Amino acid sequence: MTLREDARDVLTHWSAPDDEQDRLRSLYLDHVERHDDALSRECHPDHLTASALIVSADHTRVLLTLHRRLGRWLQTGGHCESSDASLAQAATREGREESGIDDLAVDPDPVLLSLHEVPGCGPVRPSHHLDVQYVAVAPEGAREVISDESDDLGWFGVHDLPDGVDQSVRDLIAAATRRLREIP
């Protein structure tokens, strides 16, 4: 199965939690159908990306990265690579690269979808990431390592986030903690 086929399968079978998420799911599927390179950073102005919200083993904290270019606290994530076999694998790879934590346990089903404008991503403006968001659990005692994409990494209580965390990240944290309560 190709990455594009995986994206089509994931988005077709994913149960969106509400009408807005279902609208995004349909929009993403349409994008995948219309563009052979829908998951490539070369697809302009929009392309699918994958991210992972990393949660502590006890589910009480989240690891956020202070993105170097954007200057905002975000979950780990980014562009899919040709070596990624699936969206979940892309999210896992991004999580490992940006956190330095190797043994992440990633739920194979997305938590949320987030469409957001990204300044400076390609030659066409405005450009958007059609982000497929996953939740990853770090092993007990995991130690993060700051990558060159970040100005900082930090563990924050799910209800004690740093100033300036935008609503999309707060929504992802809420959805991820709900999902983790459902997993035995």
Protein backbone atom coordinates (compact mmCIF):
# COMPACT_ATOMS: atom_id res chain seq x y z
CA MET A 1 0.00 0.00 0.00
CA THR A 2 1.36 3.44 -0.90
CA LEU A 3 1.28 6.42 1.43
CA ARG A 4 -1.45 7.98 -0.69
CA GLU A 5 -3.51 4.75 -0.53
CA ASP A 6 -3.01 4.66 3.24
CA ALA A 7 -4.22 8.26 3.52
CA ARG A 8 -7.28 7.45 1.44
CA ASP A 9 -8.01 4.38 3.61
CA VAL A 10 -7.45 6.20 6.92
CA LEU A 11 -9.65 9.14 5.93
CA THR A 12 -12.37 6.93 4.46
CA HIS A 13 -12.69 4.79 7.60
CA TRP A 14 -12.04 7.42 10.29
CA SER A 15 -15.07 8.29 12.42
CA ALA A 16 -15.06 12.05 12.73
CA PRO A 17 -16.14 13.26 16.19
CA ASP A 18 -18.35 16.09 14.85
CA ASP A 19 -19.70 17.76 11.72
CA GLU A 20 -16.75 20.14 11.29
CA GLN A 21 -14.25 17.28 11.51
CA ASP A 22 -16.33 15.33 9.00
CA ARG A 23 -16.27 18.34 6.65
CA LEU A 24 -12.46 18.41 6.93
CA ARG A 25 -12.30 14.64 6.37
CA SER A 26 -14.25 15.07 3.11
CA LEU A 27 -12.08 18.00 2.06
CA TYR A 28 -8.89 15.99 2.73
CA LEU A 29 -10.25 13.00 0.80
CA ASP A 30 -11.11 15.24 -2.14
CA HIS A 31 -7.58 16.66 -2.05
CA VAL A 32 -6.08 13.15 -2.08
CA GLU A 33 -8.28 12.17 -5.02
CA ARG A 34 -7.43 15.29 -7.06
CA HIS A 35 -3.65 15.31 -6.48
CA ASP A 36 -1.28 12.40 -7.06
CA ASP A 37 1.24 14.25 -4.87
CA ALA A 38 -1.28 15.25 -2.17
CA LEU A 39 1.09 14.18 0.63
CA SER A 40 4.21 15.83 -0.78
CA ARG A 41 5.52 19.21 0.27
CA GLU A 42 5.80 19.81 -3.49
CA CYS A 43 1.99 19.85 -3.80
CA HIS A 44 1.08 23.54 -3.83
CA PRO A 45 -0.55 25.39 -2.28
CA ASP A 46 -1.86 22.67 0.07
CA HIS A 47 -0.67 19.23 1.18
CA LEU A 48 -1.36 16.65 3.87
CA THR A 49 0.95 16.53 6.87
CA ALA A 50 1.06 14.33 9.98
CA SER A 51 1.61 15.25 13.61
CA ALA A 52 1.74 13.56 16.99
CA LEU A 53 0.83 15.01 20.34
CA ILE A 54 3.21 13.32 22.77
CA VAL A 55 1.63 12.52 26.14
CA SER A 56 3.43 11.30 29.27
CA ALA A 57 3.09 7.67 30.33
CA ASP A 58 0.69 8.69 33.12
CA HIS A 59 -1.37 10.84 30.68
CA THR A 60 -1.03 13.98 32.82
CA ARG A 61 1.45 15.99 30.74
CA VAL A 62 2.06 16.83 27.09
CA LEU A 63 5.37 17.53 25.37
CA LEU A 64 5.22 20.67 23.24
CA THR A 65 7.87 22.13 20.99
CA LEU A 66 8.53 25.84 20.66
CA HIS A 67 8.69 25.93 16.88
CA ARG A 68 11.76 27.80 15.69
CA ARG A 69 10.18 29.48 12.63
CA LEU A 70 6.70 30.10 14.00
CA GLY A 71 7.64 30.99 17.58
CA ARG A 72 4.66 29.05 18.96
CA TRP A 73 4.21 26.03 21.22
CA LEU A 74 2.95 23.15 19.06
CA GLN A 75 2.72 19.38 18.92
CA THR A 76 5.45 17.57 16.98
CA GLY A 77 4.80 16.99 13.31
CA GLY A 78 5.42 18.00 9.76
CA HIS A 79 5.80 16.90 6.18
CA CYS A 80 5.41 13.33 5.02
CA GLU A 81 8.49 11.75 3.45
CA SER A 82 8.67 9.28 0.56
CA SER A 83 9.99 6.65 3.00
CA ASP A 84 6.85 6.86 5.19
CA ALA A 85 4.58 3.86 4.65
CA SER A 86 1.60 5.44 6.42
CA LEU A 87 0.32 8.65 7.97
CA ALA A 88 0.74 7.10 11.43
CA GLN A 89 4.34 6.23 10.58
CA ALA A 90 4.97 9.80 9.38
CA ALA A 91 3.55 11.16 12.65
CA THR A 92 5.70 8.70 14.62
CA ARG A 93 8.85 9.63 12.70
CA GLU A 94 8.19 13.35 13.19
CA GLY A 95 7.55 12.78 16.90
CA ARG A 96 10.82 10.89 17.30
CA GLU A 97 12.84 13.41 15.29
CA GLU A 98 11.50 16.44 17.11
CA SER A 99 11.43 14.98 20.64
CA GLY A 100 14.41 12.63 20.70
CA ILE A 101 12.14 9.96 22.25
CA ASP A 102 12.47 6.68 20.36
CA ASP A 103 9.87 4.41 21.98
CA LEU A 104 6.66 6.31 21.28
CA ALA A 105 3.44 4.29 21.27
CA VAL A 106 1.24 5.89 18.61
CA ASP A 107 -2.48 5.20 18.36
CA PRO A 108 -2.97 4.19 14.70
CA ASP A 109 -6.27 6.10 14.42
CA PRO A 110 -6.16 9.88 14.05
CA VAL A 111 -7.49 12.03 16.87
CA LEU A 112 -8.32 15.20 14.89
CA LEU A 113 -7.79 16.95 11.59
CA SER A 114 -6.52 20.54 11.46
CA LEU A 115 -6.35 22.76 8.39
CA HIS A 116 -4.11 25.73 8.98
CA GLU A 117 -2.31 28.35 6.92
CA VAL A 118 1.46 28.02 6.92
CA PRO A 119 3.60 31.03 6.03
CA GLY A 120 6.61 30.28 3.86
CA CYS A 121 5.67 26.75 2.82
CA GLY A 122 6.09 26.77 -0.94
CA PRO A 123 5.81 29.36 -3.69
CA VAL A 124 2.01 29.81 -3.67
CA ARG A 125 0.23 31.90 -1.03
CA PRO A 126 -1.75 31.24 0.96
CA SER A 127 -0.57 27.68 1.57
CA HIS A 128 -2.09 25.22 4.02
CA HIS A 129 -1.19 22.10 5.91
CA LEU A 130 -4.00 19.58 5.97
CA ASP A 131 -2.77 18.00 9.19
CA VAL A 132 -3.75 14.51 10.32
CA GLN A 133 -3.19 14.47 14.07
CA TYR A 134 -2.33 11.44 16.22
CA VAL A 135 -1.66 10.85 19.89
CA ALA A 136 1.59 9.22 21.05
CA VAL A 137 2.42 8.02 24.54
CA ALA A 138 6.00 8.33 25.75
CA PRO A 139 7.50 5.56 27.89
CA GLU A 140 7.94 6.10 31.62
CA GLY A 141 11.05 8.19 32.30
CA ALA A 142 11.37 9.39 28.69
CA ARG A 143 13.89 12.18 28.21
CA GLU A 144 13.37 14.69 25.45
CA VAL A 145 16.14 16.12 23.28
CA ILE A 146 15.66 19.44 21.48
CA SER A 147 16.00 19.20 17.71
CA ASP A 148 17.28 21.93 15.42
CA GLU A 149 13.64 22.66 14.45
CA SER A 150 12.83 23.86 17.97
CA ASP A 151 13.87 26.67 20.25
CA ASP A 152 12.66 24.66 23.25
CA LEU A 153 10.82 21.52 24.32
CA GLY A 154 8.76 21.30 27.46
CA TRP A 155 6.44 19.03 29.40
CA PHE A 156 3.28 20.81 30.50
CA GLY A 157 0.29 19.69 32.54
CA VAL A 158 -2.72 19.14 30.29
CA HIS A 159 -4.47 21.93 32.22
CA ASP A 160 -1.35 24.08 32.76
CA LEU A 161 -0.21 25.09 29.29
CA PRO A 162 2.21 27.93 28.51
CA ASP A 163 0.91 31.33 27.49
CA GLY A 164 0.10 31.67 23.83
CA VAL A 165 -0.90 28.07 23.10
CA ASP A 166 -3.54 28.45 20.41
CA GLN A 167 -6.98 26.91 20.39
CA SER A 168 -6.09 24.24 17.81
CA VAL A 169 -3.45 22.79 20.16
CA ARG A 170 -5.85 23.00 23.11
CA ASP A 171 -8.48 21.16 21.03
CA LEU A 172 -5.94 18.47 20.14
CA ILE A 173 -4.97 18.02 23.80
CA ALA A 174 -8.62 17.69 24.82
CA ALA A 175 -9.33 15.16 22.05
CA ALA A 176 -6.17 13.18 22.82
CA THR A 177 -6.91 12.94 26.54
CA ARG A 178 -10.47 11.78 25.74
CA ARG A 179 -9.04 9.13 23.40
CA LEU A 180 -6.56 7.92 26.02
CA ARG A 181 -9.37 7.49 28.56
CA GLU A 182 -11.07 5.15 26.05
CA ILE A 183 -8.00 2.94 25.53
CA PRO A 184 -7.63 0.13 28.08
